[in-house]
Amino acid sequence: METSNYPENNYSNGVIPNEIKKWNWGAFMYNIIWGIGNKSYLPLLCLVPILNIVWIFVCGVKGNEWAWQNGNYSNPREFFLVQDTWNRAGFVAFIITLIFIVIYVLFFAVIISAIVGGHKYRY
């Protein structure tokens, strides 16, 4: 008999376990794709301009709860087996995005400093 950190409770009564209520990187970074894959269509609101800036954070915060409510999970362990893949992929995408933003800012800082600094040495 396998022992688990998650007791065998009846989760079919619509109650969301407390361990489910945490940040979901997959819902944050892949909001629309994640929503379709988890039968949760509220992330489609990320297609609305201006609202999407706020809604991606709502997806990150509420994503696990939406996925739990729309999925057929018997316990949190089974749920996290699925969502851990999304979380890893979302976190990696977040780090890669941050790296590209830093490179982008540094590139333009160098270009601007070369343009501005180049005027001082012209005769």
PDB file of N, CA and C in Angstrom:
ATOM      1  N   MET A   1       0.847  -1.181   0.000  1.00  0.00           N
ATOM      2  CA  MET A   1       0.000   0.000   0.000  1.00  0.00           C
ATOM      3  C   MET A   1       0.887   1.238   0.000  1.00  0.00           C
ATOM      4  N   GLU A   2       0.650   2.134  -0.926  1.00  0.00           N
ATOM      5  CA  GLU A   2       1.473   3.337  -1.054  1.00  0.00           C
ATOM      6  C   GLU A   2       0.985   4.406  -0.084  1.00  0.00           C
ATOM      7  N   THR A   3       1.920   4.996   0.639  1.00  0.00           N
ATOM      8  CA  THR A   3       1.558   6.109   1.504  1.00  0.00           C
ATOM      9  C   THR A   3       1.833   7.400   0.766  1.00  0.00           C
ATOM     10  N   SER A   4       1.033   8.390   1.035  1.00  0.00           N
ATOM     11  CA  SER A   4       1.131   9.640   0.294  1.00  0.00           C
ATOM     12  C   SER A   4       0.935  10.808   1.254  1.00  0.00           C
ATOM     13  N   ASN A   5       1.412  11.965   0.841  1.00  0.00           N
ATOM     14  CA  ASN A   5       1.187  13.172   1.630  1.00  0.00           C
ATOM     15  C   ASN A   5      -0.254  13.646   1.532  1.00  0.00           C
ATOM     16  N   TYR A   6      -0.985  13.097   0.595  1.00  0.00           N
ATOM     17  CA  TYR A   6      -2.349  13.530   0.353  1.00  0.00           C
ATOM     18  C   TYR A   6      -3.311  12.455   0.827  1.00  0.00           C
ATOM     19  N   PRO A   7      -4.148  12.777   1.803  1.00  0.00           N
ATOM     20  CA  PRO A   7      -5.106  11.778   2.265  1.00  0.00           C
ATOM     21  C   PRO A   7      -6.134  11.485   1.182  1.00  0.00           C
ATOM     22  N   GLU A   8      -6.685  10.291   1.229  1.00  0.00           N
ATOM     23  CA  GLU A   8      -7.703   9.897   0.256  1.00  0.00           C
ATOM     24  C   GLU A   8      -9.045  10.479   0.674  1.00  0.00           C
ATOM     25  N   ASN A   9      -9.263  11.732   0.379  1.00  0.00           N
ATOM     26  CA  ASN A   9     -10.524  12.389   0.665  1.00  0.00           C
ATOM     27  C   ASN A   9     -11.414  12.337  -0.564  1.00  0.00           C
ATOM     28  N   ASN A  10     -12.660  12.624  -0.358  1.00  0.00           N
ATOM     29  CA  ASN A  10     -13.578  12.734  -1.481  1.00  0.00           C
ATOM     30  C   ASN A  10     -13.493  14.165  -1.998  1.00  0.00           C
ATOM     31  N   TYR A  11     -12.787  14.348  -3.119  1.00  0.00           N
ATOM     32  CA  TYR A  11     -12.600  15.679  -3.678  1.00  0.00           C
ATOM     33  C   TYR A  11     -13.657  16.018  -4.724  1.00  0.00           C
ATOM     34  N   SER A  12     -14.627  15.156  -4.910  1.00  0.00           N
ATOM     35  CA  SER A  12     -15.621  15.385  -5.948  1.00  0.00           C
ATOM     36  C   SER A  12     -16.715  16.363  -5.523  1.00  0.00           C
ATOM     37  N   ASN A  13     -16.694  16.832  -4.284  1.00  0.00           N
ATOM     38  CA  ASN A  13     -17.748  17.721  -3.809  1.00  0.00           C
ATOM     39  C   ASN A  13     -17.502  19.186  -4.172  1.00  0.00           C
ATOM     40  N   GLY A  14     -16.526  19.459  -5.043  1.00  0.00           N
ATOM     41  CA  GLY A  14     -16.280  20.829  -5.496  1.00  0.00           C
ATOM     42  C   GLY A  14     -15.342  21.630  -4.613  1.00  0.00           C
ATOM     43  N   VAL A  15     -14.888  21.046  -3.519  1.00  0.00           N
ATOM     44  CA  VAL A  15     -13.963  21.739  -2.633  1.00  0.00           C
ATOM     45  C   VAL A  15     -12.571  21.698  -3.248  1.00  0.00           C
ATOM     46  N   ILE A  16     -11.905  22.858  -3.250  1.00  0.00           N
ATOM     47  CA  ILE A  16     -10.549  22.945  -3.782  1.00  0.00           C
ATOM     48  C   ILE A  16      -9.576  22.771  -2.622  1.00  0.00           C
ATOM     49  N   PRO A  17      -8.742  21.740  -2.670  1.00  0.00           N
ATOM     50  CA  PRO A  17      -7.781  21.536  -1.580  1.00  0.00           C
ATOM     51  C   PRO A  17      -6.819  22.721  -1.453  1.00  0.00           C
ATOM     52  N   ASN A  18      -6.402  23.022  -0.244  1.00  0.00           N
ATOM     53  CA  ASN A  18      -5.515  24.165  -0.003  1.00  0.00           C
ATOM     54  C   ASN A  18      -4.178  24.034  -0.715  1.00  0.00           C
ATOM     55  N   GLU A  19      -3.657  22.811  -0.860  1.00  0.00           N
ATOM     56  CA  GLU A  19      -2.364  22.642  -1.522  1.00  0.00           C
ATOM     57  C   GLU A  19      -2.432  22.957  -3.010  1.00  0.00           C
ATOM     58  N   ILE A  20      -3.621  23.027  -3.558  1.00  0.00           N
ATOM     59  CA  ILE A  20      -3.814  23.385  -4.968  1.00  0.00           C
ATOM     60  C   ILE A  20      -3.668  24.890  -5.165  1.00  0.00           C
ATOM     61  N   LYS A  21      -3.988  25.657  -4.164  1.00  0.00           N
ATOM     62  CA  LYS A  21      -4.041  27.118  -4.283  1.00  0.00           C
ATOM     63  C   LYS A  21      -2.639  27.730  -4.216  1.00  0.00           C
ATOM     64  N   LYS A  22      -1.934  27.651  -5.343  1.00  0.00           N
ATOM     65  CA  LYS A  22      -0.629  28.292  -5.435  1.00  0.00           C
ATOM     66  C   LYS A  22      -0.365  28.704  -6.876  1.00  0.00           C
ATOM     67  N   TRP A  23       0.710  29.424  -7.098  1.00  0.00           N
ATOM     68  CA  TRP A  23       1.050  30.005  -8.397  1.00  0.00           C
ATOM     69  C   TRP A  23       1.265  28.917  -9.445  1.00  0.00           C
ATOM     70  N   ASN A  24       0.783  29.170 -10.663  1.00  0.00           N
ATOM     71  CA  ASN A  24       0.954  28.239 -11.764  1.00  0.00           C
ATOM     72  C   ASN A  24       1.692  28.947 -12.897  1.00  0.00           C
ATOM     73  N   TRP A  25       2.969  28.604 -13.091  1.00  0.00           N
ATOM     74  CA  TRP A  25       3.788  29.231 -14.127  1.00  0.00           C
ATOM     75  C   TRP A  25       3.285  28.913 -15.525  1.00  0.00           C
ATOM     76  N   GLY A  26       2.739  27.734 -15.708  1.00  0.00           N
ATOM     77  CA  GLY A  26       2.209  27.360 -17.017  1.00  0.00           C
ATOM     78  C   GLY A  26       1.028  28.229 -17.408  1.00  0.00           C
ATOM     79  N   ALA A  27       0.134  28.477 -16.464  1.00  0.00           N
ATOM     80  CA  ALA A  27      -1.026  29.333 -16.728  1.00  0.00           C
ATOM     81  C   ALA A  27      -0.591  30.780 -16.948  1.00  0.00           C
ATOM     82  N   PHE A  28       0.477  31.192 -16.304  1.00  0.00           N
ATOM     83  CA  PHE A  28       0.979  32.560 -16.448  1.00  0.00           C
ATOM     84  C   PHE A  28       1.626  32.782 -17.811  1.00  0.00           C
ATOM     85  N   MET A  29       2.502  31.880 -18.215  1.00  0.00           N
ATOM     86  CA  MET A  29       3.260  32.088 -19.455  1.00  0.00           C
ATOM     87  C   MET A  29       2.550  31.568 -20.701  1.00  0.00           C
ATOM     88  N   TYR A  30       1.826  30.488 -20.576  1.00  0.00           N
ATOM     89  CA  TYR A  30       1.155  29.878 -21.732  1.00  0.00           C
ATOM     90  C   TYR A  30      -0.357  29.984 -21.591  1.00  0.00           C
ATOM     91  N   ASN A  31      -0.825  31.106 -21.076  1.00  0.00           N
ATOM     92  CA  ASN A  31      -2.202  31.262 -20.643  1.00  0.00           C
ATOM     93  C   ASN A  31      -3.251  30.705 -21.598  1.00  0.00           C
ATOM     94  N   ILE A  32      -3.245  31.082 -22.858  1.00  0.00           N
ATOM     95  CA  ILE A  32      -4.289  30.650 -23.790  1.00  0.00           C
ATOM     96  C   ILE A  32      -4.155  29.149 -24.095  1.00  0.00           C
ATOM     97  N   ILE A  33      -2.946  28.713 -24.408  1.00  0.00           N
ATOM     98  CA  ILE A  33      -2.715  27.294 -24.703  1.00  0.00           C
ATOM     99  C   ILE A  33      -2.991  26.448 -23.467  1.00  0.00           C
ATOM    100  N   TRP A  34      -2.524  26.924 -22.324  1.00  0.00           N
ATOM    101  CA  TRP A  34      -2.763  26.218 -21.063  1.00  0.00           C
ATOM    102  C   TRP A  34      -4.265  26.110 -20.786  1.00  0.00           C
ATOM    103  N   GLY A  35      -4.995  27.190 -21.006  1.00  0.00           N
ATOM    104  CA  GLY A  35      -6.433  27.188 -20.751  1.00  0.00           C
ATOM    105  C   GLY A  35      -7.167  26.178 -21.610  1.00  0.00           C
ATOM    106  N   ILE A  36      -6.837  26.141 -22.890  1.00  0.00           N
ATOM    107  CA  ILE A  36      -7.486  25.176 -23.785  1.00  0.00           C
ATOM    108  C   ILE A  36      -7.121  23.751 -23.372  1.00  0.00           C
ATOM    109  N   GLY A  37      -5.859  23.530 -23.041  1.00  0.00           N
ATOM    110  CA  GLY A  37      -5.414  22.199 -22.636  1.00  0.00           C
ATOM    111  C   GLY A  37      -6.012  21.719 -21.334  1.00  0.00           C
ATOM    112  N   ASN A  38      -6.422  22.653 -20.487  1.00  0.00           N
ATOM    113  CA  ASN A  38      -6.997  22.296 -19.190  1.00  0.00           C
ATOM    114  C   ASN A  38      -8.500  22.552 -19.123  1.00  0.00           C
ATOM    115  N   LYS A  39      -9.125  22.708 -20.274  1.00  0.00           N
ATOM    116  CA  LYS A  39     -10.571  22.928 -20.377  1.00  0.00           C
ATOM    117  C   LYS A  39     -11.040  24.112 -19.536  1.00  0.00           C
ATOM    118  N   SER A  40     -10.210  25.136 -19.494  1.00  0.00           N
ATOM    119  CA  SER A  40     -10.528  26.355 -18.768  1.00  0.00           C
ATOM    120  C   SER A  40     -10.434  27.511 -19.756  1.00  0.00           C
ATOM    121  N   TYR A  41     -11.539  28.164 -20.003  1.00  0.00           N
ATOM    122  CA  TYR A  41     -11.572  29.133 -21.093  1.00  0.00           C
ATOM    123  C   TYR A  41     -11.488  30.587 -20.630  1.00  0.00           C
ATOM    124  N   LEU A  42     -11.392  30.823 -19.344  1.00  0.00           N
ATOM    125  CA  LEU A  42     -11.170  32.192 -18.857  1.00  0.00           C
ATOM    126  C   LEU A  42      -9.835  32.775 -19.328  1.00  0.00           C
ATOM    127  N   PRO A  43      -8.777  31.973 -19.490  1.00  0.00           N
ATOM    128  CA  PRO A  43      -7.532  32.541 -20.026  1.00  0.00           C
ATOM    129  C   PRO A  43      -7.661  33.128 -21.432  1.00  0.00           C
ATOM    130  N   LEU A  44      -8.732  32.817 -22.151  1.00  0.00           N
ATOM    131  CA  LEU A  44      -8.943  33.430 -23.460  1.00  0.00           C
ATOM    132  C   LEU A  44      -9.136  34.945 -23.352  1.00  0.00           C
ATOM    133  N   LEU A  45      -9.430  35.433 -22.149  1.00  0.00           N
ATOM    134  CA  LEU A  45      -9.526  36.880 -21.947  1.00  0.00           C
ATOM    135  C   LEU A  45      -8.179  37.568 -22.148  1.00  0.00           C
ATOM    136  N   CYS A  46      -7.108  36.791 -22.214  1.00  0.00           N
ATOM    137  CA  CYS A  46      -5.790  37.359 -22.508  1.00  0.00           C
ATOM    138  C   CYS A  46      -5.718  37.884 -23.933  1.00  0.00           C
ATOM    139  N   LEU A  47      -6.694  37.553 -24.760  1.00  0.00           N
ATOM    140  CA  LEU A  47      -6.742  38.075 -26.123  1.00  0.00           C
ATOM    141  C   LEU A  47      -7.268  39.508 -26.170  1.00  0.00           C
ATOM    142  N   VAL A  48      -7.829  40.001 -25.070  1.00  0.00           N
ATOM    143  CA  VAL A  48      -8.367  41.352 -25.019  1.00  0.00           C
ATOM    144  C   VAL A  48      -7.229  42.329 -24.715  1.00  0.00           C
ATOM    145  N   PRO A  49      -6.975  43.283 -25.629  1.00  0.00           N
ATOM    146  CA  PRO A  49      -5.901  44.249 -25.392  1.00  0.00           C
ATOM    147  C   PRO A  49      -6.111  45.025 -24.088  1.00  0.00           C
ATOM    148  N   ILE A  50      -5.053  45.408 -23.460  1.00  0.00           N
ATOM    149  CA  ILE A  50      -4.989  46.132 -22.190  1.00  0.00           C
ATOM    150  C   ILE A  50      -5.355  45.214 -21.024  1.00  0.00           C
ATOM    151  N   LEU A  51      -6.492  44.523 -21.101  1.00  0.00           N
ATOM    152  CA  LEU A  51      -6.887  43.594 -20.041  1.00  0.00           C
ATOM    153  C   LEU A  51      -5.857  42.478 -19.891  1.00  0.00           C
ATOM    154  N   ASN A  52      -5.226  42.083 -20.997  1.00  0.00           N
ATOM    155  CA  ASN A  52      -4.295  40.960 -20.958  1.00  0.00           C
ATOM    156  C   ASN A  52      -3.105  41.205 -20.034  1.00  0.00           C
ATOM    157  N   ILE A  53      -2.730  42.456 -19.849  1.00  0.00           N
ATOM    158  CA  ILE A  53      -1.593  42.771 -18.978  1.00  0.00           C
ATOM    159  C   ILE A  53      -1.893  42.343 -17.539  1.00  0.00           C
ATOM    160  N   VAL A  54      -3.119  42.554 -17.112  1.00  0.00           N
ATOM    161  CA  VAL A  54      -3.526  42.165 -15.759  1.00  0.00           C
ATOM    162  C   VAL A  54      -3.932  40.695 -15.724  1.00  0.00           C
ATOM    163  N   TRP A  55      -4.609  40.239 -16.778  1.00  0.00           N
ATOM    164  CA  TRP A  55      -5.203  38.908 -16.773  1.00  0.00           C
ATOM    165  C   TRP A  55      -4.164  37.794 -16.734  1.00  0.00           C
ATOM    166  N   ILE A  56      -2.948  38.017 -17.281  1.00  0.00           N
ATOM    167  CA  ILE A  56      -1.927  36.965 -17.198  1.00  0.00           C
ATOM    168  C   ILE A  56      -1.570  36.671 -15.743  1.00  0.00           C
ATOM    169  N   PHE A  57      -1.604  37.707 -14.896  1.00  0.00           N
ATOM    170  CA  PHE A  57      -1.323  37.501 -13.472  1.00  0.00           C
ATOM    171  C   PHE A  57      -2.488  36.784 -12.787  1.00  0.00           C
ATOM    172  N   VAL A  58      -3.708  37.105 -13.198  1.00  0.00           N
ATOM    173  CA  VAL A  58      -4.876  36.395 -12.671  1.00  0.00           C
ATOM    174  C   VAL A  58      -4.782  34.915 -13.045  1.00  0.00           C
ATOM    175  N   CYS A  59      -4.370  34.640 -14.264  1.00  0.00           N
ATOM    176  CA  CYS A  59      -4.198  33.244 -14.702  1.00  0.00           C
ATOM    177  C   CYS A  59      -3.154  32.532 -13.845  1.00  0.00           C
ATOM    178  N   GLY A  60      -2.053  33.198 -13.544  1.00  0.00           N
ATOM    179  CA  GLY A  60      -1.027  32.594 -12.707  1.00  0.00           C
ATOM    180  C   GLY A  60      -1.523  32.276 -11.314  1.00  0.00           C
ATOM    181  N   VAL A  61      -2.327  33.169 -10.758  1.00  0.00           N
ATOM    182  CA  VAL A  61      -2.831  32.989  -9.394  1.00  0.00           C
ATOM    183  C   VAL A  61      -3.966  31.963  -9.338  1.00  0.00           C
ATOM    184  N   LYS A  62      -4.903  32.043 -10.266  1.00  0.00           N
ATOM    185  CA  LYS A  62      -6.103  31.206 -10.221  1.00  0.00           C
ATOM    186  C   LYS A  62      -6.012  29.948 -11.085  1.00  0.00           C
ATOM    187  N   GLY A  63      -4.935  29.793 -11.848  1.00  0.00           N
ATOM    188  CA  GLY A  63      -4.828  28.698 -12.799  1.00  0.00           C
ATOM    189  C   GLY A  63      -5.033  27.319 -12.204  1.00  0.00           C
ATOM    190  N   ASN A  64      -4.385  27.030 -11.088  1.00  0.00           N
ATOM    191  CA  ASN A  64      -4.533  25.714 -10.478  1.00  0.00           C
ATOM    192  C   ASN A  64      -5.983  25.446 -10.077  1.00  0.00           C
ATOM    193  N   GLU A  65      -6.638  26.458  -9.550  1.00  0.00           N
ATOM    194  CA  GLU A  65      -8.025  26.278  -9.128  1.00  0.00           C
ATOM    195  C   GLU A  65      -8.924  26.000 -10.330  1.00  0.00           C
ATOM    196  N   TRP A  66      -8.728  26.730 -11.417  1.00  0.00           N
ATOM    197  CA  TRP A  66      -9.529  26.496 -12.619  1.00  0.00           C
ATOM    198  C   TRP A  66      -9.288  25.103 -13.176  1.00  0.00           C
ATOM    199  N   ALA A  67      -8.023  24.693 -13.215  1.00  0.00           N
ATOM    200  CA  ALA A  67      -7.692  23.365 -13.745  1.00  0.00           C
ATOM    201  C   ALA A  67      -8.284  22.268 -12.860  1.00  0.00           C
ATOM    202  N   TRP A  68      -8.240  22.454 -11.557  1.00  0.00           N
ATOM    203  CA  TRP A  68      -8.810  21.472 -10.633  1.00  0.00           C
ATOM    204  C   TRP A  68     -10.317  21.348 -10.848  1.00  0.00           C
ATOM    205  N   GLN A  69     -10.998  22.479 -10.984  1.00  0.00           N
ATOM    206  CA  GLN A  69     -12.452  22.465 -11.151  1.00  0.00           C
ATOM    207  C   GLN A  69     -12.875  21.846 -12.480  1.00  0.00           C
ATOM    208  N   ASN A  70     -12.067  22.015 -13.520  1.00  0.00           N
ATOM    209  CA  ASN A  70     -12.447  21.533 -14.847  1.00  0.00           C
ATOM    210  C   ASN A  70     -11.868  20.165 -15.191  1.00  0.00           C
ATOM    211  N   GLY A  71     -11.001  19.652 -14.350  1.00  0.00           N
ATOM    212  CA  GLY A  71     -10.383  18.356 -14.617  1.00  0.00           C
ATOM    213  C   GLY A  71     -11.062  17.246 -13.847  1.00  0.00           C
ATOM    214  N   ASN A  72     -10.699  16.042 -14.162  1.00  0.00           N
ATOM    215  CA  ASN A  72     -11.238  14.869 -13.462  1.00  0.00           C
ATOM    216  C   ASN A  72     -10.138  14.258 -12.599  1.00  0.00           C
ATOM    217  N   TYR A  73      -9.674  15.027 -11.642  1.00  0.00           N
ATOM    218  CA  TYR A  73      -8.583  14.566 -10.785  1.00  0.00           C
ATOM    219  C   TYR A  73      -9.156  13.954  -9.522  1.00  0.00           C
ATOM    220  N   SER A  74      -8.608  12.817  -9.121  1.00  0.00           N
ATOM    221  CA  SER A  74      -9.126  12.149  -7.927  1.00  0.00           C
ATOM    222  C   SER A  74      -8.442  12.639  -6.656  1.00  0.00           C
ATOM    223  N   ASN A  75      -7.216  13.169  -6.792  1.00  0.00           N
ATOM    224  CA  ASN A  75      -6.513  13.685  -5.619  1.00  0.00           C
ATOM    225  C   ASN A  75      -5.450  14.698  -6.077  1.00  0.00           C
ATOM    226  N   PRO A  76      -4.929  15.513  -5.157  1.00  0.00           N
ATOM    227  CA  PRO A  76      -3.930  16.514  -5.523  1.00  0.00           C
ATOM    228  C   PRO A  76      -2.648  15.933  -6.118  1.00  0.00           C
ATOM    229  N   ARG A  77      -2.285  14.736  -5.721  1.00  0.00           N
ATOM    230  CA  ARG A  77      -1.062  14.120  -6.259  1.00  0.00           C
ATOM    231  C   ARG A  77      -1.200  13.908  -7.764  1.00  0.00           C
ATOM    232  N   GLU A  78      -2.325  13.375  -8.176  1.00  0.00           N
ATOM    233  CA  GLU A  78      -2.592  13.166  -9.602  1.00  0.00           C
ATOM    234  C   GLU A  78      -2.627  14.502 -10.341  1.00  0.00           C
ATOM    235  N   PHE A  79      -3.211  15.503  -9.705  1.00  0.00           N
ATOM    236  CA  PHE A  79      -3.285  16.843 -10.295  1.00  0.00           C
ATOM    237  C   PHE A  79      -1.888  17.411 -10.539  1.00  0.00           C
ATOM    238  N   PHE A  80      -1.030  17.312  -9.538  1.00  0.00           N
ATOM    239  CA  PHE A  80       0.313  17.883  -9.662  1.00  0.00           C
ATOM    240  C   PHE A  80       1.196  17.105 -10.635  1.00  0.00           C
ATOM    241  N   LEU A  81       0.904  15.838 -10.869  1.00  0.00           N
ATOM    242  CA  LEU A  81       1.644  15.106 -11.901  1.00  0.00           C
ATOM    243  C   LEU A  81       1.441  15.755 -13.266  1.00  0.00           C
ATOM    244  N   VAL A  82       0.252  16.246 -13.515  1.00  0.00           N
ATOM    245  CA  VAL A  82      -0.044  16.925 -14.776  1.00  0.00           C
ATOM    246  C   VAL A  82       0.486  18.356 -14.752  1.00  0.00           C
ATOM    247  N   GLN A  83       0.192  19.090 -13.702  1.00  0.00           N
ATOM    248  CA  GLN A  83       0.517  20.512 -13.668  1.00  0.00           C
ATOM    249  C   GLN A  83       2.011  20.790 -13.483  1.00  0.00           C
ATOM    250  N   ASP A  84       2.760  19.850 -12.923  1.00  0.00           N
ATOM    251  CA  ASP A  84       4.200  20.079 -12.761  1.00  0.00           C
ATOM    252  C   ASP A  84       4.899  20.247 -14.099  1.00  0.00           C
ATOM    253  N   THR A  85       4.438  19.543 -15.117  1.00  0.00           N
ATOM    254  CA  THR A  85       5.014  19.711 -16.455  1.00  0.00           C
ATOM    255  C   THR A  85       4.749  21.115 -16.966  1.00  0.00           C
ATOM    256  N   TRP A  86       3.515  21.582 -16.811  1.00  0.00           N
ATOM    257  CA  TRP A  86       3.174  22.949 -17.217  1.00  0.00           C
ATOM    258  C   TRP A  86       3.991  23.971 -16.422  1.00  0.00           C
ATOM    259  N   ASN A  87       4.140  23.734 -15.121  1.00  0.00           N
ATOM    260  CA  ASN A  87       4.889  24.664 -14.276  1.00  0.00           C
ATOM    261  C   ASN A  87       6.356  24.747 -14.684  1.00  0.00           C
ATOM    262  N   ARG A  88       6.980  23.615 -14.949  1.00  0.00           N
ATOM    263  CA  ARG A  88       8.383  23.630 -15.376  1.00  0.00           C
ATOM    264  C   ARG A  88       8.543  24.367 -16.697  1.00  0.00           C
ATOM    265  N   ALA A  89       7.698  24.046 -17.656  1.00  0.00           N
ATOM    266  CA  ALA A  89       7.775  24.692 -18.971  1.00  0.00           C
ATOM    267  C   ALA A  89       7.519  26.193 -18.854  1.00  0.00           C
ATOM    268  N   GLY A  90       6.557  26.579 -18.047  1.00  0.00           N
ATOM    269  CA  GLY A  90       6.255  27.996 -17.858  1.00  0.00           C
ATOM    270  C   GLY A  90       7.386  28.740 -17.179  1.00  0.00           C
ATOM    271  N   PHE A  91       8.007  28.107 -16.187  1.00  0.00           N
ATOM    272  CA  PHE A  91       9.113  28.760 -15.482  1.00  0.00           C
ATOM    273  C   PHE A  91      10.323  28.921 -16.398  1.00  0.00           C
ATOM    274  N   VAL A  92      10.626  27.899 -17.176  1.00  0.00           N
ATOM    275  CA  VAL A  92      11.740  27.986 -18.134  1.00  0.00           C
ATOM    276  C   VAL A  92      11.465  29.089 -19.157  1.00  0.00           C
ATOM    277  N   ALA A  93      10.238  29.164 -19.649  1.00  0.00           N
ATOM    278  CA  ALA A  93       9.874  30.220 -20.601  1.00  0.00           C
ATOM    279  C   ALA A  93      10.010  31.597 -19.967  1.00  0.00           C
ATOM    280  N   PHE A  94       9.663  31.719 -18.692  1.00  0.00           N
ATOM    281  CA  PHE A  94       9.791  32.986 -17.978  1.00  0.00           C
ATOM    282  C   PHE A  94      11.250  33.409 -17.877  1.00  0.00           C
ATOM    283  N   ILE A  95      12.129  32.484 -17.512  1.00  0.00           N
ATOM    284  CA  ILE A  95      13.563  32.788 -17.394  1.00  0.00           C
ATOM    285  C   ILE A  95      14.135  33.174 -18.760  1.00  0.00           C
ATOM    286  N   ILE A  96      13.793  32.436 -19.801  1.00  0.00           N
ATOM    287  CA  ILE A  96      14.277  32.759 -21.145  1.00  0.00           C
ATOM    288  C   ILE A  96      13.783  34.141 -21.572  1.00  0.00           C
ATOM    289  N   THR A  97      12.542  34.446 -21.277  1.00  0.00           N
ATOM    290  CA  THR A  97      11.993  35.768 -21.604  1.00  0.00           C
ATOM    291  C   THR A  97      12.748  36.864 -20.875  1.00  0.00           C
ATOM    292  N   LEU A  98      13.043  36.656 -19.587  1.00  0.00           N
ATOM    293  CA  LEU A  98      13.819  37.655 -18.837  1.00  0.00           C
ATOM    294  C   LEU A  98      15.202  37.858 -19.444  1.00  0.00           C
ATOM    295  N   ILE A  99      15.842  36.781 -19.843  1.00  0.00           N
ATOM    296  CA  ILE A  99      17.172  36.888 -20.461  1.00  0.00           C
ATOM    297  C   ILE A  99      17.099  37.694 -21.748  1.00  0.00           C
ATOM    298  N   PHE A 100      16.107  37.431 -22.580  1.00  0.00           N
ATOM    299  CA  PHE A 100      15.948  38.185 -23.825  1.00  0.00           C
ATOM    300  C   PHE A 100      15.649  39.659 -23.561  1.00  0.00           C
ATOM    301  N   ILE A 101      14.883  39.960 -22.537  1.00  0.00           N
ATOM    302  CA  ILE A 101      14.592  41.362 -22.204  1.00  0.00           C
ATOM    303  C   ILE A 101      15.868  42.072 -21.774  1.00  0.00           C
ATOM    304  N   VAL A 102      16.679  41.417 -20.952  1.00  0.00           N
ATOM    305  CA  VAL A 102      17.941  42.019 -20.510  1.00  0.00           C
ATOM    306  C   VAL A 102      18.862  42.251 -21.703  1.00  0.00           C
ATOM    307  N   ILE A 103      18.982  41.272 -22.593  1.00  0.00           N
ATOM    308  CA  ILE A 103      19.822  41.431 -23.788  1.00  0.00           C
ATOM    309  C   ILE A 103      19.293  42.565 -24.659  1.00  0.00           C
ATOM    310  N   TYR A 104      18.003  42.652 -24.825  1.00  0.00           N
ATOM    311  CA  TYR A 104      17.363  43.706 -25.623  1.00  0.00           C
ATOM    312  C   TYR A 104      17.680  45.093 -25.052  1.00  0.00           C
ATOM    313  N   VAL A 105      17.518  45.255 -23.748  1.00  0.00           N
ATOM    314  CA  VAL A 105      17.790  46.539 -23.101  1.00  0.00           C
ATOM    315  C   VAL A 105      19.272  46.890 -23.213  1.00  0.00           C
ATOM    316  N   LEU A 106      20.141  45.930 -22.964  1.00  0.00           N
ATOM    317  CA  LEU A 106      21.581  46.185 -23.074  1.00  0.00           C
ATOM    318  C   LEU A 106      21.975  46.552 -24.497  1.00  0.00           C
ATOM    319  N   PHE A 107      21.411  45.887 -25.483  1.00  0.00           N
ATOM    320  CA  PHE A 107      21.703  46.179 -26.887  1.00  0.00           C
ATOM    321  C   PHE A 107      21.358  47.626 -27.220  1.00  0.00           C
ATOM    322  N   PHE A 108      20.162  48.041 -26.844  1.00  0.00           N
ATOM    323  CA  PHE A 108      19.760  49.408 -27.157  1.00  0.00           C
ATOM    324  C   PHE A 108      20.489  50.435 -26.299  1.00  0.00           C
ATOM    325  N   ALA A 109      20.890  50.065 -25.094  1.00  0.00           N
ATOM    326  CA  ALA A 109      21.693  50.971 -24.276  1.00  0.00           C
ATOM    327  C   ALA A 109      23.047  51.210 -24.938  1.00  0.00           C
ATOM    328  N   VAL A 110      23.650  50.173 -25.490  1.00  0.00           N
ATOM    329  CA  VAL A 110      24.931  50.304 -26.183  1.00  0.00           C
ATOM    330  C   VAL A 110      24.766  51.149 -27.446  1.00  0.00           C
ATOM    331  N   ILE A 111      23.711  50.904 -28.203  1.00  0.00           N
ATOM    332  CA  ILE A 111      23.460  51.670 -29.433  1.00  0.00           C
ATOM    333  C   ILE A 111      23.245  53.148 -29.108  1.00  0.00           C
ATOM    334  N   ILE A 112      22.429  53.421 -28.118  1.00  0.00           N
ATOM    335  CA  ILE A 112      22.147  54.819 -27.756  1.00  0.00           C
ATOM    336  C   ILE A 112      23.397  55.497 -27.228  1.00  0.00           C
ATOM    337  N   SER A 113      24.172  54.803 -26.401  1.00  0.00           N
ATOM    338  CA  SER A 113      25.395  55.415 -25.877  1.00  0.00           C
ATOM    339  C   SER A 113      26.414  55.657 -26.991  1.00  0.00           C
ATOM    340  N   ALA A 114      26.443  54.790 -27.994  1.00  0.00           N
ATOM    341  CA  ALA A 114      27.356  54.997 -29.122  1.00  0.00           C
ATOM    342  C   ALA A 114      26.926  56.211 -29.942  1.00  0.00           C
ATOM    343  N   ILE A 115      25.629  56.380 -30.116  1.00  0.00           N
ATOM    344  CA  ILE A 115      25.125  57.522 -30.883  1.00  0.00           C
ATOM    345  C   ILE A 115      25.352  58.821 -30.122  1.00  0.00           C
ATOM    346  N   VAL A 116      24.999  58.828 -28.862  1.00  0.00           N
ATOM    347  CA  VAL A 116      25.149  60.044 -28.047  1.00  0.00           C
ATOM    348  C   VAL A 116      26.617  60.325 -27.773  1.00  0.00           C
ATOM    349  N   GLY A 117      27.365  59.313 -27.437  1.00  0.00           N
ATOM    350  CA  GLY A 117      28.785  59.482 -27.134  1.00  0.00           C
ATOM    351  C   GLY A 117      29.614  59.808 -28.362  1.00  0.00           C
ATOM    352  N   GLY A 118      29.170  59.380 -29.521  1.00  0.00           N
ATOM    353  CA  GLY A 118      29.912  59.629 -30.753  1.00  0.00           C
ATOM    354  C   GLY A 118      29.934  61.101 -31.157  1.00  0.00           C
ATOM    355  N   HIS A 119      28.968  61.870 -30.720  1.00  0.00           N
ATOM    356  CA  HIS A 119      28.908  63.288 -31.078  1.00  0.00           C
ATOM    357  C   HIS A 119      29.964  64.112 -30.349  1.00  0.00           C
ATOM    358  N   LYS A 120      30.427  63.656 -29.215  1.00  0.00           N
ATOM    359  CA  LYS A 120      31.411  64.409 -28.460  1.00  0.00           C
ATOM    360  C   LYS A 120      32.752  64.452 -29.178  1.00  0.00           C
ATOM    361  N   TYR A 121      33.095  63.447 -29.938  1.00  0.00           N
ATOM    362  CA  TYR A 121      34.422  63.341 -30.529  1.00  0.00           C
ATOM    363  C   TYR A 121      34.489  63.768 -31.991  1.00  0.00           C
ATOM    364  N   ARG A 122      33.434  64.321 -32.516  1.00  0.00           N
ATOM    365  CA  ARG A 122      33.469  64.791 -33.903  1.00  0.00           C
ATOM    366  C   ARG A 122      34.119  66.158 -33.955  1.00  0.00           C
ATOM    367  N   TYR A 123      34.895  66.401 -35.011  1.00  0.00           N
ATOM    368  CA  TYR A 123      35.589  67.684 -35.146  1.00  0.00           C
ATOM    369  C   TYR A 123      34.908  68.585 -36.105  1.00  0.00           C
TER     370      TYR A 123
END
